[in-house]
Structures are given as C-alpha cells and as structure tokens.
Amino acid sequence: MITVLLADDQRLVRAGFRSILEDEEGIEVVGEAADGEEAVAAARALRPDVVLMDIRMPGTDGLAATRLISADPALDTVRVVMLTTFEVDEYVVRALRAGASGFLGKGSEPAELLGAIRVAHAGEALLSPAATKGLIASFLAQSGHGADERPGAREERLAALTGREREVLVHVAGGLSNDEIAGRLQVSPLTVKTHVNRAMAKLGARDRAQLVVTAYETGLVRPRTA
C-alpha cells in the first residue's frame, strides 16, 4: 500500500485528488494539509510514502516545506511530488534542488497522477527522464546556473565517482532508462542499477531527478541553449 499526503491550500483541489486516489487499489490517502507548515507536521506524524505538494501556498510554501522534509533524516523515505499550475514552471528546478522527486502539472490526467505517485514511490525520475532532463536543461540555460563557477568545484563534487559511474550519470542526465544505458554500455540492467544507486549515495541524491540536477549543476552535462 502506497500512502499519500495531500498538501494544497485549495480544499476543492485536495478533494479532487482524494477522489481519484481513493478509487485506486494500492494507494491510500492518509492525510491533508492546507499549507507548508501543516504538510511538514503531517509528514512527521504520518510518515507517508509520497507527499503531493503544491508549490504556491500561503505562509510556509511548498519549496520551504520540501526542504524541511528532505533535510529530516527521519523522513528519508518520504518522496515529494511538486504540483504546478503549468508543467513548465519557474520554480521546478528550485523544487528539485530542495529535494523534490519531480513535478506534475495540476492539469494532468488521473492516470498520469497515479503513475507519478508509483514512479516517485519507486525512487525513479518522475514522468519521463527525458522530460525532466529537458526542463532542467532549459531552466539552467536561461538562469545561467550551468557549471559551478569556482575552479575545481566540479571535480570536488564528482571526485567520489568512478569513471563508470560518471559515464552512467551522463546517460541518466540524457534521459536514458536503465535498460537503454545497459544497451549502450553492453552490461546488464542490474549492473546499471547498481552504478546508479552508488552514484546517488555518493552524491547525496534522493533519486534520479536529483542526479540529473547534479549532472547539470556540476557541468558534467551542458544544457543546450538553442
């Protein structure tokens, strides 16, 4: 059973999500929150598997709440899915940096919502890896947050990775699945999964979406500007 916490300041939005989720076998809504402060408190009390978190809420917003949840060692298994009005949202990259597992547009179809919850719970990149990669690349290019500016900063962050782990990280940032990476490197998908998990542990990444952000922030992968 995947347990879900709903965090949105609009009661009707929460009711709509609850209606969809309660009809789905294997998913249970365990609580609701009307702002970020309530969301953090509920996450600590209920320990849900996934939090559906609206970015814009009064008081403590979704970004601040996500940072607090991600920084709490007791909540390291909680995955946060940020809800956005538009799928291309100026806050998406900030949300991923804050520790969110990914994002979902509020206008998404019920099947997409259900799939996103299951994907986030499994620790994979939310939505397609290519879509997440493309969005991050776009915003990093527009905002000038490409490679680390201080000389040597990139190597410091990536120093713990083996050559193969760096290679796998590049492919993850390129939007490839484990099976696709395995085909490129002529190894088994299980081997790729092991490299991905080790890279996440060494870089302090919660999931694949966080790995994509790191790949761009360190300059290991450069965003396309055209």
Protein backbone atom coordinates (compact mmCIF):
# COMPACT_ATOMS: atom_id res chain seq x y z
CA MET A 1 0.00 0.00 0.00
CA ILE A 2 1.37 3.41 -1.02
CA THR A 3 0.39 6.08 1.49
CA VAL A 4 -0.12 9.65 0.27
CA LEU A 5 -0.34 13.06 1.96
CA LEU A 6 -2.14 15.86 0.07
CA ALA A 7 -0.79 19.41 0.59
CA ASP A 8 -2.67 22.21 -1.19
CA ASP A 9 -4.29 25.37 0.10
CA GLN A 10 -7.40 24.81 -2.03
CA ARG A 11 -9.89 22.42 -0.42
CA LEU A 12 -11.53 21.58 -3.76
CA VAL A 13 -8.17 20.61 -5.27
CA ARG A 14 -7.45 18.29 -2.34
CA ALA A 15 -10.92 16.80 -2.63
CA GLY A 16 -10.39 16.16 -6.33
CA PHE A 17 -7.10 14.38 -5.77
CA ARG A 18 -8.55 12.38 -2.88
CA SER A 19 -11.48 11.24 -5.04
CA ILE A 20 -9.11 9.97 -7.71
CA LEU A 21 -6.73 8.26 -5.31
CA GLU A 22 -9.36 6.62 -3.12
CA ASP A 23 -10.72 4.75 -6.15
CA GLU A 24 -7.31 3.25 -6.88
CA GLU A 25 -6.30 -0.07 -5.38
CA GLY A 26 -2.95 0.00 -3.60
CA ILE A 27 -2.99 3.74 -2.81
CA GLU A 28 -4.31 5.30 0.41
CA VAL A 29 -4.67 8.99 1.33
CA VAL A 30 -3.57 9.24 4.96
CA GLY A 31 -3.85 12.99 5.49
CA GLU A 32 -4.27 16.51 4.14
CA ALA A 33 -2.54 19.84 4.74
CA ALA A 34 -3.55 23.38 3.77
CA ASP A 35 -0.06 24.92 3.88
CA GLY A 36 3.60 24.00 4.10
CA GLU A 37 3.79 24.10 7.88
CA GLU A 38 0.91 21.68 8.17
CA ALA A 39 2.49 19.49 5.49
CA VAL A 40 5.76 19.16 7.39
CA ALA A 41 3.96 18.39 10.65
CA ALA A 42 1.74 15.82 8.94
CA ALA A 43 4.73 14.21 7.19
CA ARG A 44 6.48 13.79 10.54
CA ALA A 45 3.37 12.40 12.20
CA LEU A 46 2.12 10.15 9.40
CA ARG A 47 5.35 9.21 7.53
CA PRO A 48 3.61 8.93 4.14
CA ASP A 49 5.36 7.34 1.19
CA VAL A 50 4.55 10.27 -1.10
CA VAL A 51 3.56 13.90 -0.50
CA LEU A 52 1.69 15.71 -3.27
CA MET A 53 2.90 19.25 -2.53
CA ASP A 54 1.58 22.44 -4.11
CA ILE A 55 4.41 24.93 -4.75
CA ARG A 56 2.44 28.09 -4.03
CA MET A 57 0.75 28.12 -0.62
CA PRO A 58 0.32 30.88 1.96
CA GLY A 59 2.76 31.09 4.86
CA THR A 60 5.30 28.30 4.51
CA ASP A 61 5.21 27.48 0.81
CA GLY A 62 5.84 24.14 -0.85
CA LEU A 63 9.52 24.83 -1.53
CA ALA A 64 10.30 25.58 2.12
CA ALA A 65 8.25 22.59 3.26
CA THR A 66 10.06 20.31 0.83
CA ARG A 67 13.45 21.49 2.10
CA LEU A 68 12.41 20.73 5.67
CA ILE A 69 11.13 17.28 4.79
CA SER A 70 14.23 16.44 2.72
CA ALA A 71 16.56 17.62 5.50
CA ASP A 72 14.89 15.44 8.15
CA PRO A 73 16.73 12.09 8.43
CA ALA A 74 13.60 10.52 9.90
CA LEU A 75 11.78 11.28 6.64
CA ASP A 76 14.40 9.97 4.23
CA THR A 77 11.93 7.54 2.65
CA VAL A 78 9.31 10.23 2.00
CA ARG A 79 9.12 11.33 -1.63
CA VAL A 80 7.76 14.76 -2.53
CA VAL A 81 5.98 15.37 -5.83
CA MET A 82 5.57 19.08 -6.53
CA LEU A 83 2.27 20.21 -8.04
CA THR A 84 2.50 23.06 -10.54
CA THR A 85 -0.11 25.09 -12.38
CA PHE A 86 1.97 24.78 -15.53
CA GLU A 87 4.33 21.89 -16.26
CA VAL A 88 6.99 24.40 -17.29
CA ASP A 89 7.18 26.39 -14.07
CA GLU A 90 9.86 28.82 -12.91
CA TYR A 91 10.03 27.03 -9.57
CA VAL A 92 10.55 23.50 -10.86
CA VAL A 93 14.35 23.46 -10.69
CA ARG A 94 14.28 25.10 -7.26
CA ALA A 95 11.86 22.39 -6.17
CA LEU A 96 14.15 19.63 -7.38
CA ARG A 97 17.10 21.27 -5.66
CA ALA A 98 15.04 21.45 -2.48
CA GLY A 99 14.70 17.68 -2.58
CA ALA A 100 11.53 17.02 -4.58
CA SER A 101 11.47 13.82 -6.58
CA GLY A 102 9.86 15.54 -9.53
CA PHE A 103 6.89 17.58 -10.65
CA LEU A 104 3.40 17.14 -12.00
CA GLY A 105 1.08 19.63 -13.67
CA LYS A 106 -2.25 20.15 -11.92
CA GLY A 107 -3.94 19.63 -15.27
CA SER A 108 -2.56 16.12 -15.64
CA GLU A 109 -4.89 13.22 -16.35
CA PRO A 110 -5.81 10.86 -13.46
CA ALA A 111 -3.69 8.09 -14.99
CA GLU A 112 -0.67 10.42 -15.02
CA LEU A 113 -1.25 11.31 -11.36
CA LEU A 114 -1.46 7.67 -10.35
CA GLY A 115 1.59 6.78 -12.42
CA ALA A 116 3.57 9.66 -10.94
CA ILE A 117 2.84 8.51 -7.41
CA ARG A 118 4.00 4.98 -8.18
CA VAL A 119 7.11 6.19 -10.02
CA ALA A 120 8.08 8.55 -7.19
CA HIS A 121 7.49 5.83 -4.61
CA ALA A 122 9.82 3.55 -6.56
CA GLY A 123 12.56 6.22 -6.46
CA GLU A 124 12.64 6.72 -10.20
CA ALA A 125 12.60 10.05 -12.10
CA LEU A 126 9.11 11.49 -12.16
CA LEU A 127 7.43 11.46 -15.57
CA SER A 128 9.85 10.55 -18.34
CA PRO A 129 13.58 11.04 -17.67
CA ALA A 130 13.83 12.92 -20.96
CA ALA A 131 11.11 15.38 -19.96
CA THR A 132 12.71 16.04 -16.60
CA LYS A 133 16.13 16.43 -18.21
CA GLY A 134 14.84 18.80 -20.85
CA LEU A 135 13.09 21.02 -18.35
CA ILE A 136 16.13 21.24 -16.08
CA ALA A 137 18.41 21.95 -19.02
CA SER A 138 16.12 24.72 -20.21
CA PHE A 139 15.97 26.48 -16.87
CA LEU A 140 19.66 26.11 -16.11
CA ALA A 141 20.46 27.61 -19.51
CA GLN A 142 18.06 30.52 -19.04
CA SER A 143 19.14 31.29 -15.48
CA GLY A 144 22.87 30.83 -16.01
CA HIS A 145 23.17 28.02 -13.50
CA GLY A 146 25.31 25.73 -15.59
CA ALA A 147 28.66 24.52 -14.36
CA ASP A 148 29.99 25.54 -10.95
CA GLU A 149 31.88 28.82 -11.33
CA ARG A 150 34.68 28.19 -8.83
CA PRO A 151 37.62 26.36 -10.46
CA GLY A 152 37.79 22.76 -9.33
CA ALA A 153 34.29 22.76 -7.82
CA ARG A 154 33.04 20.27 -10.39
CA GLU A 155 35.84 17.82 -9.66
CA GLU A 156 35.32 18.15 -5.93
CA ARG A 157 31.68 17.16 -6.20
CA LEU A 158 32.34 14.34 -8.65
CA ALA A 159 35.61 13.08 -7.15
CA ALA A 160 33.96 10.18 -5.34
CA LEU A 161 32.53 8.74 -8.55
CA THR A 162 34.30 6.08 -10.55
CA GLY A 163 34.77 6.55 -14.27
CA ARG A 164 31.93 4.14 -14.98
CA GLU A 165 29.63 5.92 -12.52
CA ARG A 166 30.31 9.23 -14.26
CA GLU A 167 29.53 7.61 -17.59
CA VAL A 168 26.25 6.26 -16.23
CA LEU A 169 25.43 9.69 -14.76
CA VAL A 170 25.85 11.30 -18.16
CA HIS A 171 23.40 8.80 -19.66
CA VAL A 172 20.91 9.32 -16.79
CA ALA A 173 21.04 13.07 -17.44
CA GLY A 174 20.49 12.30 -21.13
CA GLY A 175 17.11 10.80 -20.25
CA LEU A 176 18.01 7.13 -20.78
CA SER A 177 16.41 4.34 -18.76
CA ASN A 178 18.49 1.62 -17.09
CA ASP A 179 17.71 -0.77 -19.93
CA GLU A 180 18.80 1.78 -22.54
CA ILE A 181 22.01 2.55 -20.65
CA ALA A 182 22.71 -1.16 -20.35
CA GLY A 183 22.41 -1.48 -24.12
CA ARG A 184 24.81 1.43 -24.69
CA LEU A 185 27.41 0.10 -22.26
CA GLN A 186 26.85 -3.59 -23.04
CA VAL A 187 26.23 -4.53 -19.42
CA SER A 188 23.19 -5.85 -17.58
CA PRO A 189 20.39 -3.55 -16.34
CA LEU A 190 21.15 -4.78 -12.82
CA THR A 191 24.73 -3.55 -13.18
CA VAL A 192 23.47 -0.16 -14.33
CA LYS A 193 21.06 0.00 -11.38
CA THR A 194 23.97 -0.71 -9.03
CA HIS A 195 26.01 2.14 -10.56
CA VAL A 196 23.02 4.49 -10.32
CA ASN A 197 22.41 3.60 -6.68
CA ARG A 198 26.08 4.08 -5.81
CA ALA A 199 26.18 7.44 -7.57
CA MET A 200 23.08 8.56 -5.67
CA ALA A 201 24.65 7.51 -2.36
CA LYS A 202 27.95 9.27 -3.09
CA LEU A 203 26.30 12.48 -4.31
CA GLY A 204 23.61 12.55 -1.65
CA ALA A 205 20.85 12.31 -4.26
CA ARG A 206 17.44 11.02 -3.23
CA ASP A 207 16.51 9.77 -6.70
CA ARG A 208 17.27 10.01 -10.42
CA ALA A 209 15.81 13.50 -10.73
CA GLN A 210 18.37 14.71 -8.21
CA LEU A 211 21.13 13.03 -10.24
CA VAL A 212 20.03 14.96 -13.33
CA VAL A 213 20.22 18.25 -11.43
CA THR A 214 23.72 17.39 -10.17
CA ALA A 215 24.92 16.47 -13.65
CA TYR A 216 23.94 19.92 -14.94
CA GLU A 217 24.99 21.90 -11.86
CA THR A 218 28.49 20.44 -11.97
CA GLY A 219 28.84 20.94 -15.70
CA LEU A 220 29.27 17.22 -16.33
CA VAL A 221 26.48 17.71 -18.85
CA ARG A 222 25.90 21.04 -20.59
CA PRO A 223 22.41 22.35 -21.35
CA ARG A 224 21.59 23.17 -24.91
CA THR A 225 20.93 26.85 -25.36
CA ALA A 226 19.38 26.63 -28.78
